[in-house]
């Protein structure tokens, strides 16, 4: 008997065993945070939420980030604080994309050595590969039939993602608009039959002063979050936070330039940039020479070993095809990078090793998607470090000068 067949038989056996009074439901998959505590359940405050509070996408993003291990405290406390960071930037009035909130927070807090709250700078946590999955239903269908079959397949896939150490948020399309919730666990479908068991964390509480009950069995909170409720409530998109890649911490803390999506106060999105690191002011901002060429200023230092790293996060990349990004030096030569891919190919980490630090280098992208963050390019950041670093060399030079002056005085 295959492992899948054995699992299905076991699940059927579990389903026919009645639960004793007060017993906790047992699910095929139930996901905890990285610290072993339950996945956070960030709720809108105050209760009931004020009219126009559309921050469910921020709460779901905070749940995923807190569960992944970002922050100094336990998962729930971290998620609550992260929700505060997100609300501080995006406000509560406008709807938005969960993946945008996650990437904005990672590049402005989690991986920013100059973050406003340095307690949330966690470069050692590599949950930074954000995959966006869009679903297409097979045409207009009634509440049963192929649409539900597709929903069960999608739900089983998301449970697999949870079981594979990922974290999942789901965007629902409702009659009244959109809503974003966090998937915690549930039971697989059995033989194409929906079990009715699912576990979600929702930012809309049902009881004042208490956390919402995370166990939803059929129509419970807001009509029940089930992917098979087509066409009344259905989920056209999921956001999955996966373990990814990371640039060297020394490079991040030296000079790091990031490009990501942000939102204006009116809710419209725009491309934003962030520069960080101890030598950010020393080297300054890079410039775009054209739609594909990023010029990075330096100060020429011969025989100075230098490493340049570029991390690109794609929306849903599923192959290891070379994206065609190269580094150009002042002598006109181009350097092909060493490439690494994340487990599901959602990210690529490029590294260039240089024998010295030139006056400048240019990163040449294959198209303007990297400038405009269009196509499948979601965000990226580039960092470099020199050995020894320019600031260290400056201090070393001052030290040598002081010693020389002292010797002159002794004489």
Protein backbone atom coordinates (compact mmCIF):
# COMPACT_ATOMS: atom_id res chain seq x y z
CA UNK A 1 0.00 0.00 0.00
CA UNK A 2 1.41 3.43 -0.95
CA UNK A 3 1.99 6.05 1.73
CA UNK A 4 -0.74 8.24 0.22
CA UNK A 5 -3.27 5.36 0.17
CA UNK A 6 -2.34 4.47 3.73
CA UNK A 7 -2.84 8.08 4.80
CA UNK A 8 -6.26 8.26 3.17
CA UNK A 9 -7.35 5.03 4.87
CA UNK A 10 -6.15 6.31 8.22
CA UNK A 11 -7.98 9.61 7.74
CA UNK A 12 -11.24 7.80 6.95
CA UNK A 13 -10.80 5.73 10.11
CA UNK A 14 -10.23 8.86 12.15
CA UNK A 15 -13.32 10.54 10.72
CA UNK A 16 -15.67 7.77 11.78
CA UNK A 17 -14.48 7.79 15.39
CA UNK A 18 -16.81 10.09 17.35
CA UNK A 19 -15.24 12.81 19.48
CA UNK A 20 -15.85 12.62 23.20
CA UNK A 21 -17.40 15.62 24.89
CA UNK A 22 -14.86 18.40 25.32
CA UNK A 23 -12.18 16.63 23.28
CA UNK A 24 -9.90 18.73 21.10
CA UNK A 25 -10.41 18.06 17.37
CA UNK A 26 -7.52 16.20 15.77
CA UNK A 27 -6.41 17.50 12.38
CA UNK A 28 -4.25 15.94 9.69
CA UNK A 29 -2.12 19.08 9.67
CA UNK A 30 -1.78 21.65 12.44
CA UNK A 31 1.02 24.19 12.10
CA UNK A 32 2.90 25.95 14.90
CA UNK A 33 5.32 28.86 14.81
CA UNK A 34 9.06 28.34 14.70
CA UNK A 35 9.26 28.79 18.48
CA UNK A 36 6.75 25.98 19.02
CA UNK A 37 3.86 28.25 20.02
CA UNK A 38 0.64 28.45 17.96
CA UNK A 39 0.63 30.53 14.81
CA UNK A 40 -0.18 34.11 15.89
CA UNK A 41 -3.71 35.46 15.71
CA UNK A 42 -3.49 39.23 15.30
CA UNK A 43 -6.88 40.89 15.72
CA UNK A 44 -8.04 44.34 14.74
CA UNK A 45 -8.32 46.78 17.62
CA UNK A 46 -10.48 48.17 19.06
CA UNK A 47 -13.34 45.66 19.13
CA UNK A 48 -15.55 45.90 17.23
CA UNK A 49 -13.28 47.33 14.50
CA UNK A 50 -14.10 50.85 13.48
CA UNK A 51 -15.87 51.32 10.17
CA UNK A 52 -13.33 51.41 7.36
CA UNK A 53 -10.69 49.23 9.04
CA UNK A 54 -9.43 47.17 6.09
CA UNK A 55 -6.19 45.98 7.69
CA UNK A 56 -6.89 42.23 7.46
CA UNK A 57 -4.05 41.89 4.89
CA UNK A 58 -1.66 43.52 7.37
CA UNK A 59 -2.79 41.22 10.18
CA UNK A 60 -2.26 38.14 7.99
CA UNK A 61 1.20 39.37 6.97
CA UNK A 62 2.09 39.94 10.63
CA UNK A 63 0.87 36.44 11.52
CA UNK A 64 3.18 34.87 8.93
CA UNK A 65 6.20 36.98 9.90
CA UNK A 66 5.72 36.37 13.61
CA UNK A 67 5.31 32.63 13.02
CA UNK A 68 8.49 32.57 10.92
CA UNK A 69 10.57 33.77 13.88
CA UNK A 70 11.11 37.48 13.28
CA UNK A 71 11.35 39.64 16.41
CA UNK A 72 12.77 39.36 19.94
CA UNK A 73 9.79 37.83 21.79
CA UNK A 74 7.35 34.97 21.33
CA UNK A 75 5.50 34.59 18.04
CA UNK A 76 2.26 36.27 19.15
CA UNK A 77 4.01 39.27 20.73
CA UNK A 78 6.21 39.67 17.66
CA UNK A 79 3.25 39.50 15.29
CA UNK A 80 1.35 42.11 17.30
CA UNK A 81 4.33 44.48 17.15
CA UNK A 82 4.86 43.82 13.43
CA UNK A 83 1.20 44.60 12.80
CA UNK A 84 1.86 47.95 14.48
CA UNK A 85 4.82 48.59 12.15
CA UNK A 86 2.66 47.80 9.13
CA UNK A 87 -0.28 49.93 10.24
CA UNK A 88 2.15 52.79 10.92
CA UNK A 89 3.22 52.76 7.28
CA UNK A 90 0.08 51.66 5.42
CA UNK A 91 -2.75 52.76 7.72
CA UNK A 92 -6.00 50.82 8.05
CA UNK A 93 -8.21 52.45 5.44
CA UNK A 94 -7.03 50.79 2.24
CA UNK A 95 -7.12 47.17 1.14
CA UNK A 96 -3.88 45.72 -0.12
CA UNK A 97 -1.75 42.75 -1.02
CA UNK A 98 -0.39 40.55 1.76
CA UNK A 99 2.82 39.88 -0.18
CA UNK A 100 3.47 43.61 -0.53
CA UNK A 101 3.17 44.05 3.25
CA UNK A 102 5.53 41.12 3.93
CA UNK A 103 8.21 42.35 1.54
CA UNK A 104 7.95 45.94 2.75
CA UNK A 105 8.46 44.80 6.34
CA UNK A 106 11.37 42.48 5.53
CA UNK A 107 13.30 45.21 3.71
CA UNK A 108 12.53 47.97 6.21
CA UNK A 109 12.74 46.01 9.47
CA UNK A 110 13.76 42.35 9.25
CA UNK A 111 16.78 42.90 6.98
CA UNK A 112 17.45 46.59 7.61
CA UNK A 113 20.40 47.19 9.99
CA UNK A 114 19.19 50.80 10.32
CA UNK A 115 15.59 49.83 11.19
CA UNK A 116 13.54 52.21 13.32
CA UNK A 117 13.11 49.38 15.83
CA UNK A 118 16.44 47.47 15.82
CA UNK A 119 14.94 44.67 17.95
CA UNK A 120 13.25 43.41 14.77
CA UNK A 121 16.41 43.30 12.66
CA UNK A 122 16.83 39.52 12.24
CA UNK A 123 19.15 38.78 9.27
CA UNK A 124 19.60 35.20 10.49
CA UNK A 125 15.95 34.33 9.82
CA UNK A 126 15.66 33.24 6.19
CA UNK A 127 11.87 33.11 5.79
CA UNK A 128 11.95 35.65 2.96
CA UNK A 129 10.85 33.73 -0.14
CA UNK A 130 7.31 34.98 -0.80
CA UNK A 131 5.39 32.98 -3.41
CA UNK A 132 2.07 34.23 -4.81
CA UNK A 133 -0.33 31.67 -6.27
CA UNK A 134 -3.39 32.67 -8.30
CA UNK A 135 -6.23 30.22 -8.90
CA UNK A 136 -8.51 30.05 -11.90
CA UNK A 137 -11.86 28.32 -11.49
CA UNK A 138 -12.99 26.24 -14.48
CA UNK A 139 -15.76 28.54 -15.60
CA UNK A 140 -19.04 29.58 -13.94
CA UNK A 141 -20.18 26.70 -11.77
CA UNK A 142 -22.87 26.09 -9.17
CA UNK A 143 -21.98 25.57 -5.52
CA UNK A 144 -21.13 21.93 -6.18
CA UNK A 145 -19.29 19.99 -8.85
CA UNK A 146 -15.99 20.78 -10.55
CA UNK A 147 -15.55 24.07 -8.71
CA UNK A 148 -15.60 22.30 -5.37
CA UNK A 149 -13.28 19.61 -6.68
CA UNK A 150 -10.82 22.35 -7.67
CA UNK A 151 -11.25 23.95 -4.26
CA UNK A 152 -10.47 20.70 -2.48
CA UNK A 153 -7.36 20.21 -4.61
CA UNK A 154 -6.22 23.74 -3.76
CA UNK A 155 -6.91 23.21 -0.06
CA UNK A 156 -5.00 19.91 -0.01
CA UNK A 157 -2.07 21.65 -1.72
CA UNK A 158 -2.04 24.41 0.92
CA UNK A 159 -2.11 21.83 3.71
CA UNK A 160 0.91 20.22 2.05
CA UNK A 161 2.63 23.61 2.12
CA UNK A 162 1.96 23.94 5.86
CA UNK A 163 3.22 20.43 6.43
CA UNK A 164 6.38 21.32 4.49
CA UNK A 165 7.34 24.10 6.95
CA UNK A 166 5.74 26.97 5.03
CA UNK A 167 3.20 29.56 6.21
CA UNK A 168 0.06 30.43 4.25
CA UNK A 169 -2.34 33.38 3.96
CA UNK A 170 -5.43 33.21 1.75
CA UNK A 171 -7.29 36.08 0.06
CA UNK A 172 -11.02 35.55 -0.22
CA UNK A 173 -13.37 37.18 -2.67
CA UNK A 174 -16.69 37.81 -0.95
CA UNK A 175 -19.96 39.38 -1.99
CA UNK A 176 -18.98 42.36 0.17
CA UNK A 177 -15.38 42.70 -1.04
CA UNK A 178 -12.10 41.01 -0.13
CA UNK A 179 -10.77 39.48 3.06
CA UNK A 180 -7.41 37.94 4.02
CA UNK A 181 -7.00 35.21 6.66
CA UNK A 182 -4.24 32.88 7.88
CA UNK A 183 -4.38 29.13 7.35
CA UNK A 184 -3.34 27.11 10.42
CA UNK A 185 -4.37 23.55 9.55
CA UNK A 186 -7.18 21.12 8.86
CA UNK A 187 -8.07 17.76 7.29
CA UNK A 188 -7.41 16.61 3.75
CA UNK A 189 -10.30 15.80 1.45
CA UNK A 190 -10.97 12.07 1.32
CA UNK A 191 -11.86 10.45 -1.98
CA UNK A 192 -13.06 13.78 -3.36
CA UNK A 193 -15.33 14.36 -0.36
CA UNK A 194 -14.92 17.52 1.69
CA UNK A 195 -14.38 16.77 5.40
CA UNK A 196 -15.59 20.14 6.65
CA UNK A 197 -12.59 20.53 8.97
CA UNK A 198 -10.39 23.61 8.60
CA UNK A 199 -8.45 25.88 10.93
CA UNK A 200 -8.04 29.61 10.27
CA UNK A 201 -6.93 32.71 12.14
CA UNK A 202 -9.03 35.73 11.28
CA UNK A 203 -8.45 39.36 12.25
CA UNK A 204 -12.20 39.86 12.85
CA UNK A 205 -13.04 38.59 16.35
CA UNK A 206 -16.41 37.15 17.21
CA UNK A 207 -16.42 37.91 20.94
CA UNK A 208 -15.32 41.13 22.59
CA UNK A 209 -12.31 40.76 24.87
CA UNK A 210 -11.32 37.29 23.66
CA UNK A 211 -9.32 35.88 20.80
CA UNK A 212 -11.42 34.35 18.06
CA UNK A 213 -11.86 30.59 18.21
CA UNK A 214 -9.44 29.22 15.58
CA UNK A 215 -11.39 25.99 14.98
CA UNK A 216 -13.91 26.54 12.21
CA UNK A 217 -16.03 23.51 11.36
CA UNK A 218 -18.42 24.40 8.57
CA UNK A 219 -20.32 27.72 8.69
CA UNK A 220 -19.01 29.44 11.79
CA UNK A 221 -17.26 32.79 11.66
CA UNK A 222 -18.13 34.98 8.67
CA UNK A 223 -19.92 32.08 7.02
CA UNK A 224 -16.97 29.69 7.34
CA UNK A 225 -13.69 29.89 5.43
CA UNK A 226 -13.77 26.93 3.06
CA UNK A 227 -12.21 26.95 -0.38
CA UNK A 228 -15.13 24.92 -1.75
CA UNK A 229 -17.74 27.62 -1.09
CA UNK A 230 -17.79 28.64 -4.74
CA UNK A 231 -19.22 31.01 -5.87
CA UNK A 232 -20.39 32.60 -2.58
CA UNK A 233 -16.97 32.80 -0.92
CA UNK A 234 -13.93 31.67 -2.83
CA UNK A 235 -10.18 32.29 -2.73
CA UNK A 236 -8.54 33.51 -5.95
CA UNK A 237 -5.07 33.90 -4.37
CA UNK A 238 -2.76 32.52 -1.71
CA UNK A 239 0.51 33.94 -0.34
CA UNK A 240 3.08 31.45 0.92
CA UNK A 241 6.06 32.46 3.09
CA UNK A 242 8.90 29.98 2.53
CA UNK A 243 12.50 29.58 3.72
CA UNK A 244 14.72 31.33 1.19
CA UNK A 245 18.24 32.67 0.69
CA UNK A 246 20.16 35.52 2.33
CA UNK A 247 23.07 37.76 1.46
CA UNK A 248 26.10 37.73 3.82
CA UNK A 249 25.27 39.62 7.00
CA UNK A 250 28.55 41.55 6.73
CA UNK A 251 27.47 42.86 3.32
CA UNK A 252 23.98 43.80 4.54
CA UNK A 253 25.46 45.80 7.39
CA UNK A 254 28.05 47.48 5.16
CA UNK A 255 26.04 48.78 2.15
CA UNK A 256 22.64 47.50 1.09
CA UNK A 257 20.30 48.96 -1.52
CA UNK A 258 16.75 47.56 -1.82
CA UNK A 259 13.91 48.13 -4.28
CA UNK A 260 10.35 47.18 -3.31
CA UNK A 261 6.67 48.11 -3.63
CA UNK A 262 5.03 50.59 -1.23
CA UNK A 263 1.67 52.35 -0.98
CA UNK A 264 0.71 56.02 -0.84
CA UNK A 265 -1.80 57.30 1.70
CA UNK A 266 -4.50 57.16 -0.99
CA UNK A 267 -3.87 53.43 -1.50
CA UNK A 268 -2.05 53.65 -4.83
CA UNK A 269 1.13 51.59 -5.13
CA UNK A 270 4.56 52.89 -6.08
CA UNK A 271 8.14 51.65 -6.36
CA UNK A 272 10.31 52.66 -3.40
CA UNK A 273 14.01 52.39 -2.53
CA UNK A 274 15.94 51.97 0.70
CA UNK A 275 19.66 52.40 1.42
CA UNK A 276 21.18 51.07 4.65
CA UNK A 277 24.43 49.99 6.27
CA UNK A 278 27.34 51.61 8.11
CA UNK A 279 28.92 52.73 4.82
CA UNK A 280 25.69 53.86 3.14
CA UNK A 281 26.64 57.52 3.42
CA UNK A 282 30.25 56.80 2.47
CA UNK A 283 29.35 55.31 -0.92
CA UNK A 284 25.97 56.98 -1.45
CA UNK A 285 22.95 56.10 -3.59
CA UNK A 286 23.25 54.23 -6.87
CA UNK A 287 21.80 55.69 -10.05
CA UNK A 288 19.82 54.23 -12.95
CA UNK A 289 21.61 55.07 -16.18
CA UNK A 290 18.70 53.69 -18.20
CA UNK A 291 15.86 51.23 -17.76
CA UNK A 292 18.22 48.27 -17.32
CA UNK A 293 21.50 49.60 -15.91
CA UNK A 294 22.15 50.33 -12.22
CA UNK A 295 25.35 52.32 -11.61
CA UNK A 296 26.95 51.80 -8.18
CA UNK A 297 29.49 54.45 -7.10
CA UNK A 298 32.73 53.44 -5.39
CA UNK A 299 36.15 54.80 -4.52
CA UNK A 300 38.90 52.97 -6.38
CA UNK A 301 41.08 50.91 -4.06
CA UNK A 302 43.54 48.56 -5.81
CA UNK A 303 44.06 45.03 -4.51
CA UNK A 304 40.98 45.25 -2.31
CA UNK A 305 38.97 42.03 -2.41
CA UNK A 306 35.29 42.81 -2.97
CA UNK A 307 32.11 40.71 -3.00
CA UNK A 308 28.88 41.98 -4.56
CA UNK A 309 25.65 40.04 -3.91
CA UNK A 310 22.19 40.49 -5.42
CA UNK A 311 19.08 38.75 -4.08
CA UNK A 312 15.99 38.79 -6.33
CA UNK A 313 12.56 37.60 -5.17
CA UNK A 314 10.24 36.59 -8.00
CA UNK A 315 6.47 36.33 -7.78
CA UNK A 316 6.32 32.66 -8.73
CA UNK A 317 9.48 31.48 -10.48
CA UNK A 318 9.49 27.72 -11.01
CA UNK A 319 12.72 27.01 -12.87
CA UNK A 320 16.48 27.57 -12.62
CA UNK A 321 16.86 29.41 -15.91
CA UNK A 322 19.66 31.98 -15.93
CA UNK A 323 17.96 35.43 -15.75
CA UNK A 324 20.87 37.03 -17.64
CA UNK A 325 22.03 39.58 -15.02
CA UNK A 326 25.70 40.60 -15.36
CA UNK A 327 28.16 43.02 -13.73
CA UNK A 328 30.11 45.49 -15.88
CA UNK A 329 33.44 47.02 -14.77
CA UNK A 330 35.10 50.32 -15.86
CA UNK A 331 37.44 48.51 -18.27
CA UNK A 332 34.39 47.30 -20.21
CA UNK A 333 34.54 43.68 -19.09
CA UNK A 334 31.44 41.90 -17.83
CA UNK A 335 31.49 39.38 -15.01
CA UNK A 336 29.09 36.44 -14.90
CA UNK A 337 27.88 35.74 -11.36
CA UNK A 338 27.78 32.58 -9.32
CA UNK A 339 24.08 31.71 -8.90
CA UNK A 340 22.13 29.94 -6.16
CA UNK A 341 18.39 29.22 -6.18
CA UNK A 342 15.96 28.79 -3.31
CA UNK A 343 14.29 25.41 -2.83
CA UNK A 344 11.26 26.27 -4.98
CA UNK A 345 13.22 28.61 -7.29
CA UNK A 346 11.27 31.63 -6.04
CA UNK A 347 14.53 33.45 -5.38
CA UNK A 348 17.95 33.74 -6.96
CA UNK A 349 21.11 34.87 -5.15
CA UNK A 350 23.88 36.17 -7.43
CA UNK A 351 27.46 36.73 -6.28
CA UNK A 352 30.35 38.48 -8.00
CA UNK A 353 33.92 38.24 -6.61
CA UNK A 354 36.21 41.11 -7.64
CA UNK A 355 39.98 41.31 -7.19
CA UNK A 356 39.85 45.00 -6.36
CA UNK A 357 37.31 47.76 -5.82
CA UNK A 358 36.82 49.72 -9.06
CA UNK A 359 35.66 53.32 -9.42
CA UNK A 360 32.21 51.91 -10.09
CA UNK A 361 30.37 48.82 -11.22
CA UNK A 362 27.16 48.47 -13.17
CA UNK A 363 24.53 45.78 -12.72
CA UNK A 364 22.91 45.20 -16.11
CA UNK A 365 19.45 43.60 -16.00
CA UNK A 366 17.85 41.81 -18.96
CA UNK A 367 14.74 44.05 -19.06
CA UNK A 368 12.98 46.93 -17.28
CA UNK A 369 10.99 44.64 -14.94
CA UNK A 370 13.73 45.12 -12.35
CA UNK A 371 13.37 48.90 -12.53
CA UNK A 372 9.57 48.95 -12.47
CA UNK A 373 8.99 45.76 -10.40
CA UNK A 374 6.72 44.35 -13.07
CA UNK A 375 6.38 40.93 -14.65
CA UNK A 376 7.49 38.29 -12.18
CA UNK A 377 9.99 40.56 -10.36
CA UNK A 378 8.58 41.35 -6.91
CA UNK A 379 11.54 42.96 -5.13
CA UNK A 380 15.33 42.73 -4.86
CA UNK A 381 18.30 44.12 -2.97
CA UNK A 382 22.02 44.36 -3.66
CA UNK A 383 24.81 44.57 -1.08
CA UNK A 384 28.59 44.53 -1.08
CA UNK A 385 31.50 44.27 1.31
CA UNK A 386 35.19 44.93 0.86
CA UNK A 387 37.99 43.25 2.82
CA UNK A 388 39.27 45.30 4.51
CA UNK A 389 36.38 47.73 4.41
CA UNK A 390 37.06 51.37 3.36
CA UNK A 391 36.07 52.72 6.78
CA UNK A 392 38.50 50.32 8.44
CA UNK A 393 41.25 51.42 6.06
CA UNK A 394 40.53 55.06 6.91
CA UNK A 395 40.84 54.37 10.63
CA UNK A 396 44.01 52.36 9.97
CA UNK A 397 45.46 55.28 8.02
CA UNK A 398 44.66 57.73 10.84
CA UNK A 399 46.32 55.37 13.30
CA UNK A 400 49.48 55.19 11.19
CA UNK A 401 49.55 59.00 10.93
CA UNK A 402 49.24 59.38 14.72
CA UNK A 403 52.10 56.93 15.31
CA UNK A 404 54.28 58.80 12.80
CA UNK A 405 53.62 62.12 14.54
CA UNK A 406 54.44 60.63 17.93
CA UNK A 407 57.72 59.23 16.64
CA UNK A 408 58.60 62.64 15.19
CA UNK A 409 57.96 64.28 18.57
CA UNK A 410 60.09 61.71 20.39
CA UNK A 411 63.01 62.47 18.15
